[in-house]
Amino acid sequence: MTANFTKFGNDYALVLGESALQQLQIDPQAEFEVKSANGELVFTPVNTTAAIDSREQKFQEAIADVHTRFGNAMKRLAE
């Protein structure tokens, strides 16, 4: 995987595509600590539980939506 820096105001931003975020299971709102080690940039999640909680919340919302939209059909299929 490769990424490029993009001019962002007076700074530069490292841009990762949606597929990279999904592959790495990174929540776009997650915070990272950035360190330089031996000429490499190392990104470490600051709070991994926040990212997990965010994904869990989205999952629960999706389940609630499915139940709302298709609950009656699911009950009939279960019978």
PDB file of N, CA and C in Angstrom:
ATOM      1  N   MET A   1       0.854  -1.165   0.000  1.00  0.00           N
ATOM      2  CA  MET A   1       0.000   0.000   0.000  1.00  0.00           C
ATOM      3  C   MET A   1       0.902   1.229   0.000  1.00  0.00           C
ATOM      4  N   THR A   2       0.544   2.200  -0.804  1.00  0.00           N
ATOM      5  CA  THR A   2       1.277   3.461  -0.825  1.00  0.00           C
ATOM      6  C   THR A   2       0.295   4.601  -0.581  1.00  0.00           C
ATOM      7  N   ALA A   3       0.813   5.706  -0.107  1.00  0.00           N
ATOM      8  CA  ALA A   3       0.000   6.893   0.130  1.00  0.00           C
ATOM      9  C   ALA A   3       0.844   8.112  -0.184  1.00  0.00           C
ATOM     10  N   ASN A   4       0.188   9.212  -0.465  1.00  0.00           N
ATOM     11  CA  ASN A   4       0.879  10.456  -0.794  1.00  0.00           C
ATOM     12  C   ASN A   4       0.482  11.550   0.180  1.00  0.00           C
ATOM     13  N   PHE A   5       1.396  12.494   0.350  1.00  0.00           N
ATOM     14  CA  PHE A   5       1.074  13.685   1.129  1.00  0.00           C
ATOM     15  C   PHE A   5       0.375  14.678   0.212  1.00  0.00           C
ATOM     16  N   THR A   6      -0.605  15.364   0.764  1.00  0.00           N
ATOM     17  CA  THR A   6      -1.378  16.361   0.034  1.00  0.00           C
ATOM     18  C   THR A   6      -1.332  17.674   0.800  1.00  0.00           C
ATOM     19  N   LYS A   7      -1.196  18.773   0.091  1.00  0.00           N
ATOM     20  CA  LYS A   7      -1.202  20.096   0.724  1.00  0.00           C
ATOM     21  C   LYS A   7      -2.555  20.325   1.371  1.00  0.00           C
ATOM     22  N   PHE A   8      -2.547  20.738   2.644  1.00  0.00           N
ATOM     23  CA  PHE A   8      -3.768  20.954   3.419  1.00  0.00           C
ATOM     24  C   PHE A   8      -3.582  22.257   4.188  1.00  0.00           C
ATOM     25  N   GLY A   9      -4.011  23.376   3.584  1.00  0.00           N
ATOM     26  CA  GLY A   9      -3.753  24.685   4.191  1.00  0.00           C
ATOM     27  C   GLY A   9      -2.261  24.950   4.146  1.00  0.00           C
ATOM     28  N   ASN A  10      -1.667  25.263   5.314  1.00  0.00           N
ATOM     29  CA  ASN A  10      -0.227  25.473   5.396  1.00  0.00           C
ATOM     30  C   ASN A  10       0.512  24.188   5.754  1.00  0.00           C
ATOM     31  N   ASP A  11      -0.216  23.090   5.893  1.00  0.00           N
ATOM     32  CA  ASP A  11       0.363  21.813   6.307  1.00  0.00           C
ATOM     33  C   ASP A  11       0.224  20.786   5.196  1.00  0.00           C
ATOM     34  N   TYR A  12       0.638  19.575   5.510  1.00  0.00           N
ATOM     35  CA  TYR A  12       0.489  18.447   4.596  1.00  0.00           C
ATOM     36  C   TYR A  12      -0.254  17.334   5.316  1.00  0.00           C
ATOM     37  N   ALA A  13      -1.071  16.601   4.568  1.00  0.00           N
ATOM     38  CA  ALA A  13      -1.855  15.505   5.136  1.00  0.00           C
ATOM     39  C   ALA A  13      -1.515  14.224   4.394  1.00  0.00           C
ATOM     40  N   LEU A  14      -1.453  13.140   5.130  1.00  0.00           N
ATOM     41  CA  LEU A  14      -1.254  11.830   4.520  1.00  0.00           C
ATOM     42  C   LEU A  14      -2.633  11.281   4.184  1.00  0.00           C
ATOM     43  N   VAL A  15      -2.876  11.030   2.915  1.00  0.00           N
ATOM     44  CA  VAL A  15      -4.205  10.631   2.458  1.00  0.00           C
ATOM     45  C   VAL A  15      -4.246   9.123   2.252  1.00  0.00           C
ATOM     46  N   LEU A  16      -5.179   8.471   2.955  1.00  0.00           N
ATOM     47  CA  LEU A  16      -5.411   7.038   2.792  1.00  0.00           C
ATOM     48  C   LEU A  16      -6.797   6.865   2.188  1.00  0.00           C
ATOM     49  N   GLY A  17      -6.905   6.014   1.203  1.00  0.00           N
ATOM     50  CA  GLY A  17      -8.193   5.754   0.573  1.00  0.00           C
ATOM     51  C   GLY A  17      -9.097   4.915   1.458  1.00  0.00           C
ATOM     52  N   GLU A  18     -10.366   4.873   1.093  1.00  0.00           N
ATOM     53  CA  GLU A  18     -11.359   4.111   1.853  1.00  0.00           C
ATOM     54  C   GLU A  18     -10.972   2.638   1.953  1.00  0.00           C
ATOM     55  N   SER A  19     -10.456   2.080   0.863  1.00  0.00           N
ATOM     56  CA  SER A  19     -10.079   0.658   0.882  1.00  0.00           C
ATOM     57  C   SER A  19      -8.943   0.405   1.873  1.00  0.00           C
ATOM     58  N   ALA A  20      -7.998   1.349   1.976  1.00  0.00           N
ATOM     59  CA  ALA A  20      -6.900   1.199   2.946  1.00  0.00           C
ATOM     60  C   ALA A  20      -7.436   1.257   4.368  1.00  0.00           C
ATOM     61  N   LEU A  21      -8.366   2.165   4.626  1.00  0.00           N
ATOM     62  CA  LEU A  21      -8.957   2.259   5.966  1.00  0.00           C
ATOM     63  C   LEU A  21      -9.688   0.974   6.328  1.00  0.00           C
ATOM     64  N   GLN A  22     -10.421   0.412   5.377  1.00  0.00           N
ATOM     65  CA  GLN A  22     -11.138  -0.835   5.635  1.00  0.00           C
ATOM     66  C   GLN A  22     -10.164  -1.987   5.856  1.00  0.00           C
ATOM     67  N   GLN A  23      -9.140  -2.071   5.028  1.00  0.00           N
ATOM     68  CA  GLN A  23      -8.162  -3.144   5.138  1.00  0.00           C
ATOM     69  C   GLN A  23      -7.461  -3.102   6.493  1.00  0.00           C
ATOM     70  N   LEU A  24      -7.134  -1.913   6.957  1.00  0.00           N
ATOM     71  CA  LEU A  24      -6.446  -1.745   8.232  1.00  0.00           C
ATOM     72  C   LEU A  24      -7.414  -1.658   9.413  1.00  0.00           C
ATOM     73  N   GLN A  25      -8.707  -1.676   9.128  1.00  0.00           N
ATOM     74  CA  GLN A  25      -9.761  -1.550  10.143  1.00  0.00           C
ATOM     75  C   GLN A  25      -9.545  -0.298  10.994  1.00  0.00           C
ATOM     76  N   ILE A  26      -9.374   0.821  10.293  1.00  0.00           N
ATOM     77  CA  ILE A  26      -9.158   2.108  10.949  1.00  0.00           C
ATOM     78  C   ILE A  26     -10.420   2.944  10.836  1.00  0.00           C
ATOM     79  N   ASP A  27     -10.858   3.476  11.956  1.00  0.00           N
ATOM     80  CA  ASP A  27     -11.973   4.410  11.978  1.00  0.00           C
ATOM     81  C   ASP A  27     -11.412   5.783  11.601  1.00  0.00           C
ATOM     82  N   PRO A  28     -12.016   6.468  10.618  1.00  0.00           N
ATOM     83  CA  PRO A  28     -11.473   7.771  10.205  1.00  0.00           C
ATOM     84  C   PRO A  28     -11.401   8.802  11.334  1.00  0.00           C
ATOM     85  N   GLN A  29     -12.191   8.634  12.390  1.00  0.00           N
ATOM     86  CA  GLN A  29     -12.160   9.579  13.508  1.00  0.00           C
ATOM     87  C   GLN A  29     -11.150   9.191  14.590  1.00  0.00           C
ATOM     88  N   ALA A  30     -10.474   8.070  14.430  1.00  0.00           N
ATOM     89  CA  ALA A  30      -9.528   7.606  15.450  1.00  0.00           C
ATOM     90  C   ALA A  30      -8.327   8.544  15.535  1.00  0.00           C
ATOM     91  N   GLU A  31      -7.792   8.668  16.750  1.00  0.00           N
ATOM     92  CA  GLU A  31      -6.585   9.469  16.963  1.00  0.00           C
ATOM     93  C   GLU A  31      -5.373   8.552  16.959  1.00  0.00           C
ATOM     94  N   PHE A  32      -4.253   9.069  16.427  1.00  0.00           N
ATOM     95  CA  PHE A  32      -3.022   8.299  16.360  1.00  0.00           C
ATOM     96  C   PHE A  32      -1.870   9.100  16.921  1.00  0.00           C
ATOM     97  N   GLU A  33      -0.971   8.418  17.594  1.00  0.00           N
ATOM     98  CA  GLU A  33       0.295   9.015  17.993  1.00  0.00           C
ATOM     99  C   GLU A  33       1.260   8.755  16.846  1.00  0.00           C
ATOM    100  N   VAL A  34       1.984   9.776  16.431  1.00  0.00           N
ATOM    101  CA  VAL A  34       2.909   9.643  15.307  1.00  0.00           C
ATOM    102  C   VAL A  34       4.329   9.805  15.825  1.00  0.00           C
ATOM    103  N   LYS A  35       5.157   8.796  15.540  1.00  0.00           N
ATOM    104  CA  LYS A  35       6.557   8.837  15.949  1.00  0.00           C
ATOM    105  C   LYS A  35       7.434   8.585  14.734  1.00  0.00           C
ATOM    106  N   SER A  36       8.663   9.057  14.833  1.00  0.00           N
ATOM    107  CA  SER A  36       9.655   8.791  13.804  1.00  0.00           C
ATOM    108  C   SER A  36      10.671   7.830  14.400  1.00  0.00           C
ATOM    109  N   ALA A  37      10.890   6.707  13.709  1.00  0.00           N
ATOM    110  CA  ALA A  37      11.849   5.722  14.194  1.00  0.00           C
ATOM    111  C   ALA A  37      12.670   5.208  13.015  1.00  0.00           C
ATOM    112  N   ASN A  38      13.966   5.445  13.051  1.00  0.00           N
ATOM    113  CA  ASN A  38      14.876   4.963  12.006  1.00  0.00           C
ATOM    114  C   ASN A  38      14.430   5.384  10.610  1.00  0.00           C
ATOM    115  N   GLY A  39      14.001   6.621  10.468  1.00  0.00           N
ATOM    116  CA  GLY A  39      13.585   7.130   9.167  1.00  0.00           C
ATOM    117  C   GLY A  39      12.204   6.672   8.733  1.00  0.00           C
ATOM    118  N   GLU A  40      11.442   6.038   9.620  1.00  0.00           N
ATOM    119  CA  GLU A  40      10.091   5.580   9.309  1.00  0.00           C
ATOM    120  C   GLU A  40       9.085   6.317  10.189  1.00  0.00           C
ATOM    121  N   LEU A  41       7.895   6.525   9.653  1.00  0.00           N
ATOM    122  CA  LEU A  41       6.812   7.067  10.456  1.00  0.00           C
ATOM    123  C   LEU A  41       6.034   5.903  11.055  1.00  0.00           C
ATOM    124  N   VAL A  42       5.763   5.983  12.350  1.00  0.00           N
ATOM    125  CA  VAL A  42       5.031   4.927  13.036  1.00  0.00           C
ATOM    126  C   VAL A  42       3.755   5.539  13.603  1.00  0.00           C
ATOM    127  N   PHE A  43       2.602   5.014  13.168  1.00  0.00           N
ATOM    128  CA  PHE A  43       1.304   5.487  13.628  1.00  0.00           C
ATOM    129  C   PHE A  43       0.745   4.461  14.608  1.00  0.00           C
ATOM    130  N   THR A  44       0.427   4.910  15.833  1.00  0.00           N
ATOM    131  CA  THR A  44      -0.115   4.026  16.852  1.00  0.00           C
ATOM    132  C   THR A  44      -1.450   4.583  17.324  1.00  0.00           C
ATOM    133  N   PRO A  45      -2.516   3.765  17.306  1.00  0.00           N
ATOM    134  CA  PRO A  45      -3.810   4.264  17.794  1.00  0.00           C
ATOM    135  C   PRO A  45      -3.703   4.697  19.248  1.00  0.00           C
ATOM    136  N   VAL A  46      -4.273   5.851  19.566  1.00  0.00           N
ATOM    137  CA  VAL A  46      -4.239   6.368  20.930  1.00  0.00           C
ATOM    138  C   VAL A  46      -5.254   5.642  21.791  1.00  0.00           C
ATOM    139  N   ASN A  47      -6.458   5.445  21.257  1.00  0.00           N
ATOM    140  CA  ASN A  47      -7.517   4.825  22.031  1.00  0.00           C
ATOM    141  C   ASN A  47      -8.251   3.830  21.143  1.00  0.00           C
ATOM    142  N   THR A  48      -7.835   2.585  21.181  1.00  0.00           N
ATOM    143  CA  THR A  48      -8.442   1.586  20.304  1.00  0.00           C
ATOM    144  C   THR A  48      -9.866   1.260  20.717  1.00  0.00           C
ATOM    145  N   THR A  49     -10.201   1.420  22.001  1.00  0.00           N
ATOM    146  CA  THR A  49     -11.570   1.098  22.428  1.00  0.00           C
ATOM    147  C   THR A  49     -12.571   2.061  21.817  1.00  0.00           C
ATOM    148  N   ALA A  50     -12.190   3.308  21.553  1.00  0.00           N
ATOM    149  CA  ALA A  50     -13.101   4.271  20.923  1.00  0.00           C
ATOM    150  C   ALA A  50     -13.449   3.820  19.513  1.00  0.00           C
ATOM    151  N   ALA A  51     -12.459   3.325  18.780  1.00  0.00           N
ATOM    152  CA  ALA A  51     -12.714   2.848  17.422  1.00  0.00           C
ATOM    153  C   ALA A  51     -13.611   1.621  17.454  1.00  0.00           C
ATOM    154  N   ILE A  52     -13.366   0.721  18.395  1.00  0.00           N
ATOM    155  CA  ILE A  52     -14.196  -0.479  18.517  1.00  0.00           C
ATOM    156  C   ILE A  52     -15.603  -0.089  18.909  1.00  0.00           C
ATOM    157  N   ASP A  53     -15.741   0.841  19.857  1.00  0.00           N
ATOM    158  CA  ASP A  53     -17.067   1.296  20.277  1.00  0.00           C
ATOM    159  C   ASP A  53     -17.816   1.926  19.115  1.00  0.00           C
ATOM    160  N   SER A  54     -17.113   2.694  18.280  1.00  0.00           N
ATOM    161  CA  SER A  54     -17.737   3.333  17.127  1.00  0.00           C
ATOM    162  C   SER A  54     -18.252   2.289  16.149  1.00  0.00           C
ATOM    163  N   ARG A  55     -17.438   1.271  15.860  1.00  0.00           N
ATOM    164  CA  ARG A  55     -17.870   0.203  14.949  1.00  0.00           C
ATOM    165  C   ARG A  55     -19.032  -0.576  15.541  1.00  0.00           C
ATOM    166  N   GLU A  56     -18.972  -0.841  16.846  1.00  0.00           N
ATOM    167  CA  GLU A  56     -20.057  -1.574  17.506  1.00  0.00           C
ATOM    168  C   GLU A  56     -21.354  -0.777  17.439  1.00  0.00           C
ATOM    169  N   GLN A  57     -21.265   0.545  17.647  1.00  0.00           N
ATOM    170  CA  GLN A  57     -22.446   1.383  17.578  1.00  0.00           C
ATOM    171  C   GLN A  57     -23.043   1.365  16.169  1.00  0.00           C
ATOM    172  N   LYS A  58     -22.196   1.459  15.144  1.00  0.00           N
ATOM    173  CA  LYS A  58     -22.683   1.406  13.763  1.00  0.00           C
ATOM    174  C   LYS A  58     -23.339   0.060  13.479  1.00  0.00           C
ATOM    175  N   PHE A  59     -22.749  -1.020  13.989  1.00  0.00           N
ATOM    176  CA  PHE A  59     -23.304  -2.355  13.806  1.00  0.00           C
ATOM    177  C   PHE A  59     -24.676  -2.457  14.458  1.00  0.00           C
ATOM    178  N   GLN A  60     -24.795  -1.974  15.686  1.00  0.00           N
ATOM    179  CA  GLN A  60     -26.075  -2.024  16.397  1.00  0.00           C
ATOM    180  C   GLN A  60     -27.134  -1.185  15.684  1.00  0.00           C
ATOM    181  N   GLU A  61     -26.732  -0.037  15.151  1.00  0.00           N
ATOM    182  CA  GLU A  61     -27.672   0.792  14.399  1.00  0.00           C
ATOM    183  C   GLU A  61     -28.140   0.083  13.141  1.00  0.00           C
ATOM    184  N   ALA A  62     -27.232  -0.628  12.479  1.00  0.00           N
ATOM    185  CA  ALA A  62     -27.600  -1.377  11.276  1.00  0.00           C
ATOM    186  C   ALA A  62     -28.574  -2.501  11.614  1.00  0.00           C
ATOM    187  N   ILE A  63     -28.336  -3.193  12.720  1.00  0.00           N
ATOM    188  CA  ILE A  63     -29.250  -4.261  13.146  1.00  0.00           C
ATOM    189  C   ILE A  63     -30.626  -3.683  13.446  1.00  0.00           C
ATOM    190  N   ALA A  64     -30.673  -2.557  14.150  1.00  0.00           N
ATOM    191  CA  ALA A  64     -31.958  -1.925  14.470  1.00  0.00           C
ATOM    192  C   ALA A  64     -32.689  -1.530  13.194  1.00  0.00           C
ATOM    193  N   ASP A  65     -31.966  -1.031  12.197  1.00  0.00           N
ATOM    194  CA  ASP A  65     -32.572  -0.654  10.921  1.00  0.00           C
ATOM    195  C   ASP A  65     -33.155  -1.871  10.216  1.00  0.00           C
ATOM    196  N   VAL A  66     -32.407  -2.967  10.214  1.00  0.00           N
ATOM    197  CA  VAL A  66     -32.903  -4.200   9.585  1.00  0.00           C
ATOM    198  C   VAL A  66     -34.159  -4.682  10.292  1.00  0.00           C
ATOM    199  N   HIS A  67     -34.160  -4.667  11.614  1.00  0.00           N
ATOM    200  CA  HIS A  67     -35.342  -5.093  12.367  1.00  0.00           C
ATOM    201  C   HIS A  67     -36.544  -4.203  12.076  1.00  0.00           C
ATOM    202  N   THR A  68     -36.296  -2.904  11.968  1.00  0.00           N
ATOM    203  CA  THR A  68     -37.391  -1.974  11.672  1.00  0.00           C
ATOM    204  C   THR A  68     -37.956  -2.230  10.282  1.00  0.00           C
ATOM    205  N   ARG A  69     -37.075  -2.390   9.314  1.00  0.00           N
ATOM    206  CA  ARG A  69     -37.514  -2.530   7.926  1.00  0.00           C
ATOM    207  C   ARG A  69     -38.035  -3.928   7.606  1.00  0.00           C
ATOM    208  N   PHE A  70     -37.426  -4.961   8.196  1.00  0.00           N
ATOM    209  CA  PHE A  70     -37.754  -6.323   7.786  1.00  0.00           C
ATOM    210  C   PHE A  70     -38.181  -7.224   8.940  1.00  0.00           C
ATOM    211  N   GLY A  71     -38.501  -6.648  10.087  1.00  0.00           N
ATOM    212  CA  GLY A  71     -38.846  -7.438  11.266  1.00  0.00           C
ATOM    213  C   GLY A  71     -39.998  -8.398  11.045  1.00  0.00           C
ATOM    214  N   ASN A  72     -41.076  -7.912  10.429  1.00  0.00           N
ATOM    215  CA  ASN A  72     -42.226  -8.777  10.198  1.00  0.00           C
ATOM    216  C   ASN A  72     -41.885  -9.925   9.258  1.00  0.00           C
ATOM    217  N   ALA A  73     -41.139  -9.635   8.216  1.00  0.00           N
ATOM    218  CA  ALA A  73     -40.745 -10.698   7.281  1.00  0.00           C
ATOM    219  C   ALA A  73     -39.866 -11.722   7.977  1.00  0.00           C
ATOM    220  N   MET A  74     -38.978 -11.284   8.854  1.00  0.00           N
ATOM    221  CA  MET A  74     -38.111 -12.219   9.589  1.00  0.00           C
ATOM    222  C   MET A  74     -38.939 -13.108  10.505  1.00  0.00           C
ATOM    223  N   LYS A  75     -39.950 -12.547  11.165  1.00  0.00           N
ATOM    224  CA  LYS A  75     -40.812 -13.352  12.042  1.00  0.00           C
ATOM    225  C   LYS A  75     -41.520 -14.424  11.234  1.00  0.00           C
ATOM    226  N   ARG A  76     -42.044 -14.045  10.072  1.00  0.00           N
ATOM    227  CA  ARG A  76     -42.737 -15.018   9.234  1.00  0.00           C
ATOM    228  C   ARG A  76     -41.785 -16.108   8.740  1.00  0.00           C
ATOM    229  N   LEU A  77     -40.572 -15.737   8.391  1.00  0.00           N
ATOM    230  CA  LEU A  77     -39.584 -16.731   7.949  1.00  0.00           C
ATOM    231  C   LEU A  77     -39.195 -17.676   9.082  1.00  0.00           C
ATOM    232  N   ALA A  78     -39.146 -17.153  10.297  1.00  0.00           N
ATOM    233  CA  ALA A  78     -38.763 -17.983  11.448  1.00  0.00           C
ATOM    234  C   ALA A  78     -39.839 -19.016  11.788  1.00  0.00           C
ATOM    235  N   GLU A  79     -41.075 -18.725  11.424  1.00  0.00           N
ATOM    236  CA  GLU A  79     -42.179 -19.644  11.742  1.00  0.00           C
ATOM    237  C   GLU A  79     -42.276 -20.741  10.790  1.00  0.00           C
TER     238      GLU A  79
END
